[in-house]
C-alpha atoms as a PDB file:
ATOM      1  CA  MET A   1     161.910  22.235 107.117  1.00  0.00           C
ATOM      2  CA  SER A   2     158.886  24.367 107.892  1.00  0.00           C
ATOM      3  CA  LYS A   3     156.603  23.117 110.632  1.00  0.00           C
ATOM      4  CA  ASP A   4     153.445  25.140 111.123  1.00  0.00           C
ATOM      5  CA  LYS A   5     152.523  23.664 114.471  1.00  0.00           C
ATOM      6  CA  SER A   6     155.722  23.475 116.443  1.00  0.00           C
ATOM      7  CA  GLN A   7     159.468  23.098 116.486  1.00  0.00           C
ATOM      8  CA  GLU A   8     159.218  19.438 117.439  1.00  0.00           C
ATOM      9  CA  THR A   9     161.007  16.812 115.420  1.00  0.00           C
ATOM     10  CA  ILE A  10     158.983  14.349 113.369  1.00  0.00           C
ATOM     11  CA  PRO A  11     159.289  10.773 114.680  1.00  0.00           C
ATOM     12  CA  TYR A  12     159.648   8.079 112.043  1.00  0.00           C
ATOM     13  CA  SER A  13     158.486   4.481 112.332  1.00  0.00           C
ATOM     14  CA  ILE A  14     158.190   1.236 110.360  1.00  0.00           C
ATOM     15  CA  LEU A  15     155.112  -0.716 109.314  1.00  0.00           C
ATOM     16  CA  GLU A  16     156.045  -4.357 108.768  1.00  0.00           C
ATOM     17  CA  LEU A  17     154.048  -7.021 106.937  1.00  0.00           C
ATOM     18  CA  ALA A  18     156.617  -9.827 107.192  1.00  0.00           C
ATOM     19  CA  THR A  19     156.563  -9.999 103.400  1.00  0.00           C
ATOM     20  CA  VAL A  20     157.573 -13.421 102.072  1.00  0.00           C
ATOM     21  CA  GLY A  21     159.816 -13.384  99.009  1.00  0.00           C
ATOM     22  CA  LYS A  22     159.924 -16.086  96.365  1.00  0.00           C
ATOM     23  CA  GLY A  23     162.304 -18.802  97.548  1.00  0.00           C
ATOM     24  CA  VAL A  24     162.464 -17.381 101.094  1.00  0.00           C
ATOM     25  CA  SER A  25     161.079 -19.474 103.947  1.00  0.00           C
ATOM     26  CA  VAL A  26     158.571 -18.101 106.437  1.00  0.00           C
ATOM     27  CA  SER A  27     161.056 -18.871 109.212  1.00  0.00           C
ATOM     28  CA  ASP A  28     163.722 -16.739 107.523  1.00  0.00           C
ATOM     29  CA  THR A  29     161.136 -14.031 106.899  1.00  0.00           C
ATOM     30  CA  PHE A  30     160.433 -13.832 110.638  1.00  0.00           C
ATOM     31  CA  LYS A  31     164.162 -13.789 111.391  1.00  0.00           C
ATOM     32  CA  ASN A  32     164.611 -10.916 108.941  1.00  0.00           C
ATOM     33  CA  SER A  33     161.729  -9.001 110.533  1.00  0.00           C
ATOM     34  CA  LEU A  34     163.460  -9.243 113.900  1.00  0.00           C
ATOM     35  CA  LYS A  35     166.827  -8.227 112.454  1.00  0.00           C
ATOM     36  CA  LEU A  36     165.160  -5.238 110.821  1.00  0.00           C
ATOM     37  CA  ALA A  37     163.493  -4.217 114.082  1.00  0.00           C
ATOM     38  CA  GLN A  38     166.836  -4.434 115.884  1.00  0.00           C
ATOM     39  CA  ALA A  39     168.452  -2.275 113.223  1.00  0.00           C
ATOM     40  CA  ALA A  40     165.535   0.197 113.327  1.00  0.00           C
ATOM     41  CA  GLU A  41     165.964   0.491 117.079  1.00  0.00           C
ATOM     42  CA  ASP A  42     169.613   1.455 116.634  1.00  0.00           C
ATOM     43  CA  LEU A  43     168.717   3.895 113.829  1.00  0.00           C
ATOM     44  CA  GLY A  44     166.262   5.896 115.907  1.00  0.00           C
ATOM     45  CA  TYR A  45     162.929   4.612 114.597  1.00  0.00           C
ATOM     46  CA  LYS A  46     160.215   5.118 117.208  1.00  0.00           C
ATOM     47  CA  ARG A  47     157.867   2.215 116.445  1.00  0.00           C
ATOM     48  CA  PHE A  48     157.831  -1.114 114.681  1.00  0.00           C
ATOM     49  CA  TRP A  49     154.245  -2.048 113.868  1.00  0.00           C
ATOM     50  CA  LEU A  50     152.910  -5.246 112.319  1.00  0.00           C
ATOM     51  CA  ALA A  51     149.836  -5.468 110.101  1.00  0.00           C
ATOM     52  CA  GLU A  52     147.157  -8.171 110.223  1.00  0.00           C
ATOM     53  CA  HIS A  53     146.487  -9.867 106.880  1.00  0.00           C
ATOM     54  CA  HIS A  54     145.059 -13.281 106.027  1.00  0.00           C
ATOM     55  CA  ASN A  55     145.122 -15.761 103.135  1.00  0.00           C
ATOM     56  CA  MET A  56     148.009 -14.031 101.355  1.00  0.00           C
ATOM     57  CA  VAL A  57     151.061 -16.096 100.464  1.00  0.00           C
ATOM     58  CA  SER A  58     153.278 -13.016 100.432  1.00  0.00           C
ATOM     59  CA  ILE A  59     152.342 -11.754 103.927  1.00  0.00           C
ATOM     60  CA  ALA A  60     153.157 -13.724 107.072  1.00  0.00           C
ATOM     61  CA  SER A  61     151.936 -11.315 109.785  1.00  0.00           C
ATOM     62  CA  SER A  62     148.528 -12.985 110.206  1.00  0.00           C
ATOM     63  CA  ALA A  63     149.066 -13.939 113.877  1.00  0.00           C
ATOM     64  CA  THR A  64     149.912 -10.351 114.675  1.00  0.00           C
ATOM     65  CA  SER A  65     150.097 -10.421 118.467  1.00  0.00           C
ATOM     66  CA  VAL A  66     152.277 -13.552 118.390  1.00  0.00           C
ATOM     67  CA  LEU A  67     154.727 -11.948 115.985  1.00  0.00           C
ATOM     68  CA  MET A  68     154.712  -8.770 118.071  1.00  0.00           C
ATOM     69  CA  SER A  69     155.942 -10.792 121.041  1.00  0.00           C
ATOM     70  CA  HIS A  70     158.745 -12.218 118.892  1.00  0.00           C
ATOM     71  CA  ILE A  71     159.818  -8.695 117.890  1.00  0.00           C
ATOM     72  CA  ALA A  72     159.461  -7.135 121.335  1.00  0.00           C
ATOM     73  CA  GLY A  73     161.362 -10.011 122.947  1.00  0.00           C
ATOM     74  CA  GLY A  74     164.307  -9.458 120.612  1.00  0.00           C
ATOM     75  CA  THR A  75     164.517  -5.681 121.035  1.00  0.00           C
ATOM     76  CA  LYS A  76     165.016  -3.362 124.000  1.00  0.00           C
ATOM     77  CA  SER A  77     163.437   0.047 123.522  1.00  0.00           C
ATOM     78  CA  ILE A  78     161.587   0.455 120.224  1.00  0.00           C
ATOM     79  CA  ARG A  79     157.795   0.507 120.577  1.00  0.00           C
ATOM     80  CA  VAL A  80     156.107  -2.546 119.070  1.00  0.00           C
ATOM     81  CA  GLY A  81     152.506  -2.404 117.944  1.00  0.00           C
ATOM     82  CA  SER A  82     149.724  -3.528 115.665  1.00  0.00           C
ATOM     83  CA  GLY A  83     149.194  -1.588 112.486  1.00  0.00           C
ATOM     84  CA  GLY A  84     146.720  -2.901 112.980  1.00  0.00           C
ATOM     85  CA  ILE A  85     144.527  -5.468 114.574  1.00  0.00           C
ATOM     86  CA  MET A  86     141.361  -5.754 112.467  1.00  0.00           C
ATOM     87  CA  LEU A  87     138.967  -5.696 115.384  1.00  0.00           C
ATOM     88  CA  PRO A  88     135.859  -7.145 113.644  1.00  0.00           C
ATOM     89  CA  ASN A  89     137.876 -10.340 113.170  1.00  0.00           C
ATOM     90  CA  HIS A  90     138.232 -10.746 116.934  1.00  0.00           C
ATOM     91  CA  SER A  91     136.600 -10.699 120.331  1.00  0.00           C
ATOM     92  CA  SER A  92     137.266  -7.447 122.193  1.00  0.00           C
ATOM     93  CA  LEU A  93     137.868  -9.418 125.373  1.00  0.00           C
ATOM     94  CA  ILE A  94     140.495 -11.630 123.743  1.00  0.00           C
ATOM     95  CA  ILE A  95     142.310  -8.625 122.257  1.00  0.00           C
ATOM     96  CA  ALA A  96     142.293  -6.948 125.674  1.00  0.00           C
ATOM     97  CA  GLU A  97     143.774 -10.106 127.195  1.00  0.00           C
ATOM     98  CA  GLN A  98     146.436 -10.529 124.503  1.00  0.00           C
ATOM     99  CA  PHE A  99     147.608  -6.926 124.467  1.00  0.00           C
ATOM    100  CA  SER A 100     147.572  -6.407 128.219  1.00  0.00           C
ATOM    101  CA  THR A 101     149.710  -9.556 128.452  1.00  0.00           C
ATOM    102  CA  LEU A 102     152.143  -8.036 125.962  1.00  0.00           C
ATOM    103  CA  ALA A 103     152.120  -4.768 127.894  1.00  0.00           C
ATOM    104  CA  HIS A 104     153.088  -6.582 131.107  1.00  0.00           C
ATOM    105  CA  LEU A 105     155.807  -8.532 129.339  1.00  0.00           C
ATOM    106  CA  TYR A 106     157.224  -5.409 127.658  1.00  0.00           C
ATOM    107  CA  PRO A 107     156.249  -2.404 129.819  1.00  0.00           C
ATOM    108  CA  ASP A 108     155.717   0.985 128.126  1.00  0.00           C
ATOM    109  CA  ARG A 109     156.582  -0.451 124.715  1.00  0.00           C
ATOM    110  CA  ILE A 110     153.328  -1.853 123.291  1.00  0.00           C
ATOM    111  CA  ASP A 111     150.862   0.025 121.019  1.00  0.00           C
ATOM    112  CA  LEU A 112     147.390  -1.162 120.032  1.00  0.00           C
ATOM    113  CA  GLY A 113     146.358   0.024 116.584  1.00  0.00           C
ATOM    114  CA  LEU A 114     142.802  -0.947 115.627  1.00  0.00           C
ATOM    115  CA  GLY A 115     141.060  -0.969 112.260  1.00  0.00           C
ATOM    116  CA  ARG A 116     137.770  -2.268 110.909  1.00  0.00           C
ATOM    117  CA  ALA A 117     138.796  -3.569 107.472  1.00  0.00           C
ATOM    118  CA  PRO A 118     139.025  -7.370 107.037  1.00  0.00           C
ATOM    119  CA  GLY A 119     142.685  -7.512 106.042  1.00  0.00           C
ATOM    120  CA  THR A 120     141.719 -10.126 103.468  1.00  0.00           C
ATOM    121  CA  ASP A 121     139.111 -11.067 100.865  1.00  0.00           C
ATOM    122  CA  GLN A 122     135.445 -11.360 101.819  1.00  0.00           C
ATOM    123  CA  THR A 123     135.363 -15.165 101.582  1.00  0.00           C
ATOM    124  CA  THR A 124     138.244 -15.473 104.033  1.00  0.00           C
ATOM    125  CA  ALA A 125     136.724 -12.794 106.263  1.00  0.00           C
ATOM    126  CA  GLN A 126     133.575 -14.898 106.441  1.00  0.00           C
ATOM    127  CA  ALA A 127     135.663 -17.922 107.395  1.00  0.00           C
ATOM    128  CA  ILE A 128     137.381 -15.958 110.156  1.00  0.00           C
ATOM    129  CA  ARG A 129     134.131 -14.778 111.664  1.00  0.00           C
ATOM    130  CA  PRO A 130     130.696 -15.530 110.117  1.00  0.00           C
ATOM    131  CA  ASP A 131     129.068 -12.583 111.911  1.00  0.00           C
ATOM    132  CA  ARG A 132     131.838 -10.218 110.839  1.00  0.00           C
ATOM    133  CA  MET A 133     129.582  -7.644 109.125  1.00  0.00           C
ATOM    134  CA  GLN A 134     127.614  -7.206 112.331  1.00  0.00           C
ATOM    135  CA  ALA A 135     130.938  -6.741 114.128  1.00  0.00           C
ATOM    136  CA  VAL A 136     131.953  -4.075 111.578  1.00  0.00           C
ATOM    137  CA  TYR A 137     128.889  -2.015 112.470  1.00  0.00           C
ATOM    138  CA  GLN A 138     129.673  -2.525 116.147  1.00  0.00           C
ATOM    139  CA  PHE A 139     133.296  -1.358 115.771  1.00  0.00           C
ATOM    140  CA  PRO A 140     132.883   1.844 117.871  1.00  0.00           C
ATOM    141  CA  GLN A 141     131.194  -0.089 120.671  1.00  0.00           C
ATOM    142  CA  GLU A 142     133.770  -2.901 120.539  1.00  0.00           C
ATOM    143  CA  LEU A 143     136.578  -0.358 120.709  1.00  0.00           C
ATOM    144  CA  GLU A 144     135.049   1.355 123.699  1.00  0.00           C
ATOM    145  CA  GLN A 145     134.607  -2.050 125.336  1.00  0.00           C
ATOM    146  CA  ILE A 146     138.356  -2.633 125.048  1.00  0.00           C
ATOM    147  CA  GLN A 147     138.940   0.720 126.715  1.00  0.00           C
ATOM    148  CA  LYS A 148     136.623  -0.338 129.535  1.00  0.00           C
ATOM    149  CA  TYR A 149     138.633  -3.531 130.025  1.00  0.00           C
ATOM    150  CA  PHE A 150     141.752  -1.343 130.247  1.00  0.00           C
ATOM    151  CA  SER A 151     140.226   0.990 132.854  1.00  0.00           C
ATOM    152  CA  LYS A 152     140.543   0.672 136.623  1.00  0.00           C
ATOM    153  CA  GLU A 153     136.798   1.376 136.859  1.00  0.00           C
ATOM    154  CA  ASN A 154     136.047  -2.022 135.328  1.00  0.00           C
ATOM    155  CA  VAL A 155     137.009  -3.739 138.584  1.00  0.00           C
ATOM    156  CA  ASN A 156     133.352  -4.155 139.602  1.00  0.00           C
ATOM    157  CA  ALA A 157     132.062  -5.310 136.207  1.00  0.00           C
ATOM    158  CA  LYS A 158     130.707  -8.819 135.718  1.00  0.00           C
ATOM    159  CA  VAL A 159     133.100  -9.391 132.806  1.00  0.00           C
ATOM    160  CA  ARG A 160     136.670  -8.352 133.477  1.00  0.00           C
ATOM    161  CA  VAL A 161     140.199  -8.659 132.167  1.00  0.00           C
ATOM    162  CA  PRO A 162     141.949  -8.226 135.525  1.00  0.00           C
ATOM    163  CA  ILE A 163     145.459  -8.002 134.082  1.00  0.00           C
ATOM    164  CA  ALA A 164     144.314  -5.176 131.777  1.00  0.00           C
ATOM    165  CA  GLU A 165     142.846  -2.871 134.402  1.00  0.00           C
ATOM    166  CA  GLY A 166     144.939   0.289 134.646  1.00  0.00           C
ATOM    167  CA  ILE A 167     147.426  -0.877 132.018  1.00  0.00           C
ATOM    168  CA  ASN A 168     149.509   1.687 130.103  1.00  0.00           C
ATOM    169  CA  LEU A 169     148.614   0.718 126.543  1.00  0.00           C
ATOM    170  CA  PRO A 170     148.071   3.530 124.005  1.00  0.00           C
ATOM    171  CA  THR A 171     145.285   2.887 121.476  1.00  0.00           C
ATOM    172  CA  TYR A 172     145.325   4.203 117.899  1.00  0.00           C
ATOM    173  CA  ILE A 173     142.553   4.332 115.302  1.00  0.00           C
ATOM    174  CA  LEU A 174     143.609   3.226 111.815  1.00  0.00           C
ATOM    175  CA  GLY A 175     141.767   4.250 108.694  1.00  0.00           C
ATOM    176  CA  SER A 176     141.721   4.666 104.947  1.00  0.00           C
ATOM    177  CA  SER A 177     138.462   6.651 104.718  1.00  0.00           C
ATOM    178  CA  THR A 178     136.714   9.530 106.431  1.00  0.00           C
ATOM    179  CA  ASP A 179     134.587   7.283 108.691  1.00  0.00           C
ATOM    180  CA  SER A 180     137.537   6.480 110.901  1.00  0.00           C
ATOM    181  CA  ALA A 181     138.454  10.175 111.161  1.00  0.00           C
ATOM    182  CA  HIS A 182     135.104  11.024 112.750  1.00  0.00           C
ATOM    183  CA  LEU A 183     135.475   8.176 115.249  1.00  0.00           C
ATOM    184  CA  ALA A 184     139.067   8.968 116.243  1.00  0.00           C
ATOM    185  CA  ALA A 185     138.132  12.614 116.754  1.00  0.00           C
ATOM    186  CA  LYS A 186     135.061  11.766 118.820  1.00  0.00           C
ATOM    187  CA  LEU A 187     137.000   9.435 121.123  1.00  0.00           C
ATOM    188  CA  GLY A 188     140.037  11.705 121.392  1.00  0.00           C
ATOM    189  CA  LEU A 189     142.450   9.051 120.124  1.00  0.00           C
ATOM    190  CA  PRO A 190     145.460   9.340 117.798  1.00  0.00           C
ATOM    191  CA  TYR A 191     144.707   8.713 114.130  1.00  0.00           C
ATOM    192  CA  VAL A 192     146.790   6.745 111.615  1.00  0.00           C
ATOM    193  CA  PHE A 193     145.984   6.971 107.903  1.00  0.00           C
ATOM    194  CA  ALA A 194     146.875   4.255 105.370  1.00  0.00           C
ATOM    195  CA  SER A 195     148.074   6.682 102.704  1.00  0.00           C
ATOM    196  CA  HIS A 196     150.706   4.164 101.597  1.00  0.00           C
ATOM    197  CA  PHE A 197     148.044   2.236  99.632  1.00  0.00           C
ATOM    198  CA  ALA A 198     144.780   4.238  99.906  1.00  0.00           C
ATOM    199  CA  PRO A 199     145.703   7.925  99.675  1.00  0.00           C
ATOM    200  CA  THR A 200     142.475   9.246  98.125  1.00  0.00           C
ATOM    201  CA  HIS A 201     140.881  10.597 101.314  1.00  0.00           C
ATOM    202  CA  LEU A 202     144.058  11.487 103.216  1.00  0.00           C
ATOM    203  CA  PHE A 203     143.653  15.261 103.354  1.00  0.00           C
ATOM    204  CA  GLU A 204     139.908  15.208 103.887  1.00  0.00           C
ATOM    205  CA  ALA A 205     140.267  12.679 106.706  1.00  0.00           C
ATOM    206  CA  PHE A 206     142.974  14.688 108.450  1.00  0.00           C
ATOM    207  CA  GLU A 207     140.905  17.880 108.118  1.00  0.00           C
ATOM    208  CA  ILE A 208     137.853  16.174 109.657  1.00  0.00           C
ATOM    209  CA  TYR A 209     139.897  14.660 112.453  1.00  0.00           C
ATOM    210  CA  ARG A 210     141.563  17.926 113.417  1.00  0.00           C
ATOM    211  CA  ARG A 211     138.358  19.948 113.155  1.00  0.00           C
ATOM    212  CA  GLU A 212     136.210  17.542 115.183  1.00  0.00           C
ATOM    213  CA  PHE A 213     138.817  16.398 117.711  1.00  0.00           C
ATOM    214  CA  LYS A 214     137.629  16.309 121.320  1.00  0.00           C
ATOM    215  CA  PRO A 215     140.307  16.224 124.018  1.00  0.00           C
ATOM    216  CA  SER A 216     140.199  13.098 126.152  1.00  0.00           C
ATOM    217  CA  LYS A 217     142.042  11.527 129.057  1.00  0.00           C
ATOM    218  CA  PHE A 218     144.184   9.845 126.406  1.00  0.00           C
ATOM    219  CA  LEU A 219     145.095  12.850 124.282  1.00  0.00           C
ATOM    220  CA  LYS A 220     144.829  16.609 124.749  1.00  0.00           C
ATOM    221  CA  GLU A 221     145.249  17.602 121.115  1.00  0.00           C
ATOM    222  CA  PRO A 222     145.067  15.828 117.726  1.00  0.00           C
ATOM    223  CA  LYS A 223     147.855  13.440 116.807  1.00  0.00           C
ATOM    224  CA  THR A 224     148.225  12.146 113.256  1.00  0.00           C
ATOM    225  CA  ILE A 225     150.455   9.514 111.706  1.00  0.00           C
ATOM    226  CA  ALA A 226     150.669   9.206 107.915  1.00  0.00           C
ATOM    227  CA  CYS A 227     152.095   6.244 106.002  1.00  0.00           C
ATOM    228  CA  ILE A 228     154.260   6.219 102.887  1.00  0.00           C
ATOM    229  CA  ASN A 229     156.146   3.670 100.811  1.00  0.00           C
ATOM    230  CA  ALA A 230     159.855   4.426 100.648  1.00  0.00           C
ATOM    231  CA  ILE A 231     162.662   2.680  98.806  1.00  0.00           C
ATOM    232  CA  VAL A 232     166.001   4.442  99.185  1.00  0.00           C
ATOM    233  CA  ALA A 233     169.200   3.336  97.441  1.00  0.00           C
ATOM    234  CA  ASP A 234     172.564   4.788  96.475  1.00  0.00           C
ATOM    235  CA  SER A 235     171.207   5.871  93.081  1.00  0.00           C
ATOM    236  CA  ASN A 236     167.863   6.534  91.436  1.00  0.00           C
ATOM    237  CA  GLU A 237     168.565   3.742  88.972  1.00  0.00           C
ATOM    238  CA  GLU A 238     169.190   1.200  91.726  1.00  0.00           C
ATOM    239  CA  ALA A 239     166.067   2.295  93.603  1.00  0.00           C
ATOM    240  CA  GLU A 240     164.027   1.909  90.412  1.00  0.00           C
ATOM    241  CA  ARG A 241     165.349  -1.618  89.942  1.00  0.00           C
ATOM    242  CA  ILE A 242     164.598  -2.571  93.553  1.00  0.00           C
ATOM    243  CA  SER A 243     161.099  -1.056  93.292  1.00  0.00           C
ATOM    244  CA  THR A 244     160.061  -3.535  90.587  1.00  0.00           C
ATOM    245  CA  SER A 245     159.359  -6.084  93.350  1.00  0.00           C
ATOM    246  CA  MET A 246     156.919  -3.668  94.991  1.00  0.00           C
ATOM    247  CA  ILE A 247     155.296  -2.784  91.670  1.00  0.00           C
ATOM    248  CA  ARG A 248     154.657  -6.439  90.805  1.00  0.00           C
ATOM    249  CA  MET A 249     153.262  -6.994  94.285  1.00  0.00           C
ATOM    250  CA  LEU A 250     150.833  -4.077  93.922  1.00  0.00           C
ATOM    251  CA  ILE A 251     149.794  -5.312  90.476  1.00  0.00           C
ATOM    252  CA  GLY A 252     148.976  -8.633  92.105  1.00  0.00           C
ATOM    253  CA  VAL A 253     146.806  -6.860  94.681  1.00  0.00           C
ATOM    254  CA  LEU A 254     144.912  -4.961  91.990  1.00  0.00           C
ATOM    255  CA  THR A 255     144.383  -7.997  89.758  1.00  0.00           C
ATOM    256  CA  GLY A 256     143.724 -10.505  92.546  1.00  0.00           C
ATOM    257  CA  ARG A 257     146.698 -12.598  91.397  1.00  0.00           C
ATOM    258  CA  LEU A 258     148.639 -12.669  94.630  1.00  0.00           C
ATOM    259  CA  ASP A 259     152.029 -14.325  94.681  1.00  0.00           C
ATOM    260  CA  TYR A 260     155.236 -14.308  96.671  1.00  0.00           C
ATOM    261  CA  MET A 261     157.266 -11.113  96.372  1.00  0.00           C
ATOM    262  CA  GLN A 262     159.386 -11.464  93.265  1.00  0.00           C
ATOM    263  CA  PRO A 263     163.105 -10.670  92.980  1.00  0.00           C
ATOM    264  CA  PRO A 264     163.785  -7.283  91.369  1.00  0.00           C
ATOM    265  CA  THR A 265     164.467  -6.945  87.654  1.00  0.00           C
ATOM    266  CA  ALA A 266     165.341  -4.186  85.272  1.00  0.00           C
ATOM    267  CA  MET A 267     162.513  -1.715  84.704  1.00  0.00           C
ATOM    268  CA  THR A 268     161.265  -2.905  81.313  1.00  0.00           C
ATOM    269  CA  PRO A 269     159.189  -0.792  78.904  1.00  0.00           C
ATOM    270  CA  ASP A 270     156.246  -3.145  79.499  1.00  0.00           C
ATOM    271  CA  LEU A 271     156.461  -2.679  83.263  1.00  0.00           C
ATOM    272  CA  LYS A 272     156.762   1.094  82.870  1.00  0.00           C
ATOM    273  CA  ALA A 273     153.603   1.045  80.778  1.00  0.00           C
ATOM    274  CA  VAL A 274     151.757  -0.897  83.476  1.00  0.00           C
ATOM    275  CA  VAL A 275     152.896   1.608  86.099  1.00  0.00           C
ATOM    276  CA  GLU A 276     151.035   4.307  84.153  1.00  0.00           C
ATOM    277  CA  ASN A 277     147.731   2.549  84.839  1.00  0.00           C
ATOM    278  CA  PRO A 278     145.523   5.077  86.715  1.00  0.00           C
ATOM    279  CA  ALA A 279     144.596   2.619  89.475  1.00  0.00           C
ATOM    280  CA  LEU A 280     148.246   1.813  90.136  1.00  0.00           C
ATOM    281  CA  GLN A 281     149.160   5.497  89.973  1.00  0.00           C
ATOM    282  CA  ARG A 282     146.573   6.268  92.649  1.00  0.00           C
ATOM    283  CA  MET A 283     147.841   3.481  94.882  1.00  0.00           C
ATOM    284  CA  MET A 284     151.446   4.649  94.417  1.00  0.00           C
ATOM    285  CA  ALA A 285     150.788   8.352  94.983  1.00  0.00           C
ATOM    286  CA  TYR A 286     153.040   8.262  98.047  1.00  0.00           C
ATOM    287  CA  ALA A 287     155.545   5.626  96.952  1.00  0.00           C
ATOM    288  CA  PHE A 288     158.938   7.323  96.941  1.00  0.00           C
ATOM    289  CA  ALA A 289     161.789   5.432  95.263  1.00  0.00           C
ATOM    290  CA  GLY A 290     165.134   7.057  94.616  1.00  0.00           C
ATOM    291  CA  ASP A 291     168.415   8.128  96.123  1.00  0.00           C
ATOM    292  CA  LYS A 292     168.520   9.878  99.479  1.00  0.00           C
ATOM    293  CA  ALA A 293     168.231  13.351  97.988  1.00  0.00           C
ATOM    294  CA  MET A 294     165.165  12.506  95.904  1.00  0.00           C
ATOM    295  CA  VAL A 295     163.313  10.665  98.672  1.00  0.00           C
ATOM    296  CA  SER A 296     164.237  13.388 101.152  1.00  0.00           C
ATOM    297  CA  GLU A 297     162.684  16.068  98.947  1.00  0.00           C
ATOM    298  CA  LYS A 298     159.481  14.081  98.428  1.00  0.00           C
ATOM    299  CA  THR A 299     159.254  13.210 102.124  1.00  0.00           C
ATOM    300  CA  LYS A 300     159.776  16.838 103.113  1.00  0.00           C
ATOM    301  CA  GLN A 301     156.992  17.919 100.778  1.00  0.00           C
ATOM    302  CA  PHE A 302     154.688  15.193 102.071  1.00  0.00           C
ATOM    303  CA  LEU A 303     155.220  16.282 105.667  1.00  0.00           C
ATOM    304  CA  GLU A 304     154.653  19.926 104.813  1.00  0.00           C
ATOM    305  CA  ASP A 305     151.483  19.108 102.878  1.00  0.00           C
ATOM    306  CA  THR A 306     149.971  16.794 105.488  1.00  0.00           C
ATOM    307  CA  GLN A 307     151.344  18.393 108.681  1.00  0.00           C
ATOM    308  CA  ALA A 308     151.513  14.851 110.033  1.00  0.00           C
ATOM    309  CA  ASP A 309     152.907  14.492 113.546  1.00  0.00           C
ATOM    310  CA  GLU A 310     154.671  11.234 112.726  1.00  0.00           C
ATOM    311  CA  LEU A 311     155.684   9.293 109.636  1.00  0.00           C
ATOM    312  CA  MET A 312     155.318   5.544 109.192  1.00  0.00           C
ATOM    313  CA  VAL A 313     157.245   3.867 106.398  1.00  0.00           C
ATOM    314  CA  VAL A 314     156.491   0.689 104.448  1.00  0.00           C
ATOM    315  CA  SER A 315     159.239  -0.820 102.285  1.00  0.00           C
ATOM    316  CA  HIS A 316     158.391  -3.756 100.034  1.00  0.00           C
ATOM    317  CA  ILE A 317     161.921  -4.856  99.144  1.00  0.00           C
ATOM    318  CA  TYR A 318     162.881  -8.408  98.186  1.00  0.00           C
ATOM    319  CA  ASP A 319     166.467  -8.599  99.438  1.00  0.00           C
ATOM    320  CA  TYR A 320     167.081  -8.068 103.145  1.00  0.00           C
ATOM    321  CA  GLU A 321     170.371  -6.224 102.629  1.00  0.00           C
ATOM    322  CA  ASP A 322     168.679  -3.840 100.184  1.00  0.00           C
ATOM    323  CA  ARG A 323     165.938  -3.245 102.719  1.00  0.00           C
ATOM    324  CA  LEU A 324     168.401  -2.635 105.524  1.00  0.00           C
ATOM    325  CA  LYS A 325     170.203  -0.125 103.295  1.00  0.00           C
ATOM    326  CA  SER A 326     166.911   1.619 102.517  1.00  0.00           C
ATOM    327  CA  VAL A 327     165.890   1.786 106.184  1.00  0.00           C
ATOM    328  CA  THR A 328     169.338   3.139 107.088  1.00  0.00           C
ATOM    329  CA  LEU A 329     169.293   5.834 104.415  1.00  0.00           C
ATOM    330  CA  PHE A 330     165.748   6.830 105.325  1.00  0.00           C
ATOM    331  CA  ALA A 331     166.753   7.276 108.971  1.00  0.00           C
ATOM    332  CA  GLU A 332     169.646   9.469 107.821  1.00  0.00           C
ATOM    333  CA  LEU A 333     167.419  11.690 105.703  1.00  0.00           C
ATOM    334  CA  MET A 334     164.870  12.045 108.514  1.00  0.00           C
ATOM    335  CA  LYS A 335     167.603  13.082 110.933  1.00  0.00           C
ATOM    336  CA  ASP A 336     168.754  15.636 108.359  1.00  0.00           C
ATOM    337  CA  LEU A 337     165.217  16.980 107.855  1.00  0.00           C
ATOM    338  CA  ASN A 338     164.639  17.204 111.587  1.00  0.00           C
ATOM    339  CA  ALA A 339     167.911  19.072 112.043  1.00  0.00           C
ATOM    340  CA  VAL A 340     166.895  21.874 109.670  1.00  0.00           C
ATOM    341  CA  PRO A 341     165.434  24.855 111.599  1.00  0.00           C
ATOM    342  CA  ALA A 342     161.787  25.593 110.861  1.00  0.00           C
END
């Protein structure tokens, strides 16, 4: 696989939403998330990140830092992080306290990914924090405040998070537009793009980030992570069947009719017709469903096109065993791609 920048292998990671399937309890969903993280650790995945969402019956990762502790406590080496914490929903001081606590509990394993989107609808966002829009505009300042809490130099400040001072806790900027690219570049922080559901500005954002990047004490050169959806099965037909759960979930997002993740069905002509909807096509631009050979080829092309330094994978799959199989096959194809000389 050609790599323009270096001979380094491409790390691969998982973004988890603790997706709740129809007829599956939240408790079992959390148990399955932990089992998946344990399997991912054994399969060579670098990170297991959890995303903050609210007021969605199909997503149970709303208390992100709490669930991170559950995952980190049940694993040994895989990095556990937020993908991300939606900072305008929170106090910077509280996030600094929560994540420095996690970093002490699980040394050198915690990542803090920060975004500015609400992770929910506007009515719920208002319920979370009535002054949220003001906090959105203050996102750069709030982010820098967290970094101050993490610094040893904050020891003489009037407001401190003593357990955070000098902590080893990498911070990542998440985005789905070009605004976040400018900010990540300015602050010299790694940049993660949500191309798994909002791919429109992916290439423009990466170009801006790399062009404007300023080295910092955190990072000497640009670092990018790109996200894809991947469903890998033993055959293309089986992957297509499994993917119907994801397709119905995305339709629910687009129509505002959110529901639990549905069990997979055959790909009907009606569902195929819906998939051709332009809005759904845009959202699924980087949704790869197929056997290992097909997904490998699409993943290889994606990495060559984006020159991403790391790949993060989302898999909306109803059945845990199907998801475990997909995660296993994806790890195999990444190891194969990384083994090919540039």
